Amino acid sequence: MHEMSLCEGIVRIIEKQAEKEDFNRVVKVRVIVGSLSGASEEALRFCFPFAARGTRAEGAAIEFFSAPDATLRVAEIEVE
């Protein structure tokens, strides 16, 4: 399941952004998932809590937006 490695990448992006912007806790992550990306939203939703465990993103909700292409990117990080 490549979605686990995708979620680990999302968490790395969050951690890098947290270092730049000095925040401690993520409440929600919004991700754009293109229909041609090959990623399953259901599998991403399942894997994200495991990838986020022990990080600033632990406990954060993950929300998806669709795109008609191969896009897969973090659109927004909501922090507390």
N, C-alpha and C. Protein backbone atom coordinates (compact mmCIF):
# COMPACT_ATOMS: atom_id res chain seq x y z
N MET A 1 0.85 -1.18 0.00
CA MET A 1 0.00 0.00 0.00
C MET A 1 0.89 1.24 0.00
N HIS A 2 0.95 1.92 -1.15
CA HIS A 2 1.82 3.09 -1.24
C HIS A 2 1.24 4.30 -0.52
N GLU A 3 0.00 4.24 -0.11
CA GLU A 3 -0.60 5.37 0.60
C GLU A 3 0.09 5.64 1.93
N MET A 4 0.65 4.61 2.56
CA MET A 4 1.38 4.83 3.82
C MET A 4 2.59 5.72 3.56
N SER A 5 3.33 5.46 2.51
CA SER A 5 4.49 6.32 2.21
C SER A 5 4.04 7.72 1.80
N LEU A 6 2.89 7.82 1.15
CA LEU A 6 2.35 9.14 0.82
C LEU A 6 2.00 9.91 2.09
N CYS A 7 1.40 9.23 3.05
CA CYS A 7 1.06 9.87 4.33
C CYS A 7 2.32 10.26 5.09
N GLU A 8 3.34 9.43 5.04
CA GLU A 8 4.61 9.79 5.68
C GLU A 8 5.18 11.05 5.03
N GLY A 9 5.02 11.19 3.73
CA GLY A 9 5.45 12.40 3.03
C GLY A 9 4.65 13.61 3.46
N ILE A 10 3.35 13.44 3.64
CA ILE A 10 2.49 14.54 4.11
C ILE A 10 2.95 14.98 5.50
N VAL A 11 3.25 14.03 6.36
CA VAL A 11 3.71 14.36 7.71
C VAL A 11 5.07 15.09 7.65
N ARG A 12 5.96 14.67 6.76
CA ARG A 12 7.25 15.38 6.61
C ARG A 12 7.03 16.83 6.19
N ILE A 13 6.09 17.05 5.29
CA ILE A 13 5.76 18.42 4.85
C ILE A 13 5.26 19.22 6.05
N ILE A 14 4.39 18.63 6.84
CA ILE A 14 3.85 19.31 8.03
C ILE A 14 4.98 19.66 9.00
N GLU A 15 5.87 18.72 9.25
CA GLU A 15 6.97 18.96 10.20
C GLU A 15 7.89 20.07 9.70
N LYS A 16 8.20 20.09 8.41
CA LYS A 16 9.05 21.15 7.86
C LYS A 16 8.37 22.51 7.99
N GLN A 17 7.06 22.54 7.71
CA GLN A 17 6.32 23.79 7.82
C GLN A 17 6.24 24.24 9.28
N ALA A 18 6.11 23.30 10.19
CA ALA A 18 6.06 23.63 11.62
C ALA A 18 7.37 24.26 12.08
N GLU A 19 8.48 23.79 11.56
CA GLU A 19 9.77 24.38 11.91
C GLU A 19 9.88 25.81 11.39
N LYS A 20 9.38 26.04 10.17
CA LYS A 20 9.43 27.38 9.57
C LYS A 20 8.51 28.37 10.29
N GLU A 21 7.29 27.90 10.63
CA GLU A 21 6.27 28.79 11.17
C GLU A 21 6.09 28.68 12.67
N ASP A 22 6.83 27.79 13.30
CA ASP A 22 6.85 27.64 14.75
C ASP A 22 5.46 27.37 15.34
N PHE A 23 4.82 26.31 14.85
CA PHE A 23 3.57 25.87 15.48
C PHE A 23 3.78 24.48 16.06
N ASN A 24 2.93 24.12 17.01
CA ASN A 24 3.11 22.87 17.73
C ASN A 24 2.06 21.81 17.44
N ARG A 25 0.86 22.24 17.09
CA ARG A 25 -0.21 21.25 16.95
C ARG A 25 -1.02 21.52 15.70
N VAL A 26 -1.23 20.47 14.93
CA VAL A 26 -2.04 20.54 13.72
C VAL A 26 -3.43 20.02 14.04
N VAL A 27 -4.43 20.78 13.62
CA VAL A 27 -5.83 20.40 13.85
C VAL A 27 -6.39 19.68 12.63
N LYS A 28 -6.05 20.19 11.43
CA LYS A 28 -6.61 19.62 10.21
C LYS A 28 -5.62 19.81 9.07
N VAL A 29 -5.57 18.82 8.19
CA VAL A 29 -4.76 18.89 6.98
C VAL A 29 -5.71 18.72 5.80
N ARG A 30 -5.60 19.63 4.85
CA ARG A 30 -6.42 19.53 3.64
C ARG A 30 -5.50 19.13 2.48
N VAL A 31 -5.89 18.08 1.80
CA VAL A 31 -5.06 17.51 0.73
C VAL A 31 -5.86 17.45 -0.56
N ILE A 32 -5.24 17.87 -1.65
CA ILE A 32 -5.86 17.75 -2.97
C ILE A 32 -5.41 16.43 -3.57
N VAL A 33 -6.38 15.61 -3.97
CA VAL A 33 -6.10 14.30 -4.55
C VAL A 33 -6.72 14.26 -5.94
N GLY A 34 -5.87 14.21 -6.93
CA GLY A 34 -6.35 14.13 -8.31
C GLY A 34 -6.85 12.74 -8.66
N SER A 35 -7.83 12.70 -9.53
CA SER A 35 -8.40 11.41 -9.93
C SER A 35 -7.38 10.55 -10.68
N LEU A 36 -6.34 11.16 -11.21
CA LEU A 36 -5.30 10.42 -11.94
C LEU A 36 -4.05 10.20 -11.10
N SER A 37 -4.10 10.51 -9.81
CA SER A 37 -2.92 10.39 -8.94
C SER A 37 -2.62 8.95 -8.56
N GLY A 38 -3.61 8.09 -8.64
CA GLY A 38 -3.43 6.69 -8.24
C GLY A 38 -3.57 6.47 -6.74
N ALA A 39 -3.89 7.52 -6.00
CA ALA A 39 -4.03 7.42 -4.55
C ALA A 39 -5.50 7.24 -4.17
N SER A 40 -5.72 6.43 -3.19
CA SER A 40 -7.07 6.17 -2.68
C SER A 40 -7.30 7.03 -1.44
N GLU A 41 -8.34 7.86 -1.49
CA GLU A 41 -8.66 8.69 -0.33
C GLU A 41 -8.95 7.82 0.89
N GLU A 42 -9.64 6.72 0.68
CA GLU A 42 -9.98 5.83 1.78
C GLU A 42 -8.70 5.27 2.43
N ALA A 43 -7.74 4.86 1.63
CA ALA A 43 -6.49 4.32 2.17
C ALA A 43 -5.66 5.43 2.83
N LEU A 44 -5.66 6.63 2.25
CA LEU A 44 -4.95 7.75 2.88
C LEU A 44 -5.56 8.07 4.24
N ARG A 45 -6.87 8.08 4.31
CA ARG A 45 -7.56 8.36 5.57
C ARG A 45 -7.21 7.30 6.62
N PHE A 46 -7.11 6.05 6.19
CA PHE A 46 -6.76 4.96 7.10
C PHE A 46 -5.30 5.09 7.58
N CYS A 47 -4.40 5.39 6.67
CA CYS A 47 -2.96 5.40 6.99
C CYS A 47 -2.49 6.65 7.75
N PHE A 48 -3.15 7.77 7.53
CA PHE A 48 -2.68 9.03 8.10
C PHE A 48 -2.47 8.99 9.61
N PRO A 49 -3.40 8.46 10.41
CA PRO A 49 -3.16 8.43 11.86
C PRO A 49 -1.91 7.66 12.27
N PHE A 50 -1.60 6.60 11.53
CA PHE A 50 -0.40 5.82 11.85
C PHE A 50 0.86 6.60 11.50
N ALA A 51 0.85 7.29 10.35
CA ALA A 51 2.01 8.08 9.94
C ALA A 51 2.20 9.29 10.85
N ALA A 52 1.10 9.82 11.39
CA ALA A 52 1.16 11.04 12.21
C ALA A 52 1.48 10.76 13.68
N ARG A 53 1.43 9.52 14.08
CA ARG A 53 1.66 9.17 15.49
C ARG A 53 3.00 9.71 15.98
N GLY A 54 2.97 10.43 17.10
CA GLY A 54 4.19 10.98 17.70
C GLY A 54 4.68 12.26 17.06
N THR A 55 3.89 12.86 16.16
CA THR A 55 4.29 14.10 15.50
C THR A 55 3.30 15.22 15.83
N ARG A 56 3.56 16.39 15.32
CA ARG A 56 2.64 17.52 15.53
C ARG A 56 1.27 17.27 14.90
N ALA A 57 1.21 16.33 13.98
CA ALA A 57 -0.04 16.03 13.28
C ALA A 57 -0.85 14.93 13.95
N GLU A 58 -0.36 14.38 15.04
CA GLU A 58 -1.11 13.31 15.71
C GLU A 58 -2.47 13.84 16.16
N GLY A 59 -3.50 13.12 15.81
CA GLY A 59 -4.86 13.51 16.17
C GLY A 59 -5.52 14.47 15.20
N ALA A 60 -4.78 14.93 14.21
CA ALA A 60 -5.35 15.88 13.24
C ALA A 60 -6.31 15.17 12.30
N ALA A 61 -7.32 15.91 11.88
CA ALA A 61 -8.25 15.40 10.87
C ALA A 61 -7.60 15.59 9.50
N ILE A 62 -7.95 14.74 8.56
CA ILE A 62 -7.48 14.90 7.20
C ILE A 62 -8.70 15.03 6.31
N GLU A 63 -8.67 16.03 5.44
CA GLU A 63 -9.80 16.34 4.57
C GLU A 63 -9.30 16.35 3.13
N PHE A 64 -10.11 15.85 2.22
CA PHE A 64 -9.68 15.74 0.82
C PHE A 64 -10.53 16.60 -0.10
N PHE A 65 -9.87 17.11 -1.13
CA PHE A 65 -10.52 17.83 -2.21
C PHE A 65 -10.09 17.15 -3.50
N SER A 66 -10.99 17.05 -4.43
CA SER A 66 -10.72 16.36 -5.69
C SER A 66 -10.19 17.32 -6.75
N ALA A 67 -9.41 16.75 -7.65
CA ALA A 67 -8.91 17.47 -8.81
C ALA A 67 -8.99 16.51 -10.00
N PRO A 68 -9.12 17.04 -11.21
CA PRO A 68 -9.29 16.18 -12.39
C PRO A 68 -7.98 15.73 -13.02
N ASP A 69 -6.90 15.81 -12.29
CA ASP A 69 -5.59 15.50 -12.87
C ASP A 69 -4.80 14.59 -11.93
N ALA A 70 -3.49 14.60 -12.03
CA ALA A 70 -2.64 13.72 -11.21
C ALA A 70 -2.12 14.41 -9.95
N THR A 71 -2.71 15.54 -9.59
CA THR A 71 -2.28 16.29 -8.42
C THR A 71 -2.40 15.47 -7.14
N LEU A 72 -1.41 15.60 -6.29
CA LEU A 72 -1.48 15.09 -4.92
C LEU A 72 -0.62 16.03 -4.10
N ARG A 73 -1.27 16.92 -3.35
CA ARG A 73 -0.49 17.90 -2.58
C ARG A 73 -1.25 18.39 -1.36
N VAL A 74 -0.47 18.85 -0.40
CA VAL A 74 -1.04 19.47 0.80
C VAL A 74 -1.48 20.87 0.41
N ALA A 75 -2.76 21.14 0.58
CA ALA A 75 -3.30 22.44 0.22
C ALA A 75 -3.29 23.41 1.40
N GLU A 76 -3.52 22.88 2.60
CA GLU A 76 -3.62 23.74 3.77
C GLU A 76 -3.37 22.94 5.04
N ILE A 77 -2.74 23.59 5.99
CA ILE A 77 -2.50 23.01 7.30
C ILE A 77 -3.13 23.94 8.31
N GLU A 78 -4.13 23.46 9.04
CA GLU A 78 -4.80 24.26 10.05
C GLU A 78 -4.16 23.94 11.41
N VAL A 79 -3.68 24.97 12.08
CA VAL A 79 -2.97 24.77 13.34
C VAL A 79 -3.71 25.40 14.50
N GLU A 80 -3.30 25.01 15.67
CA GLU A 80 -3.91 25.53 16.90
C GLU A 80 -2.89 26.38 17.62
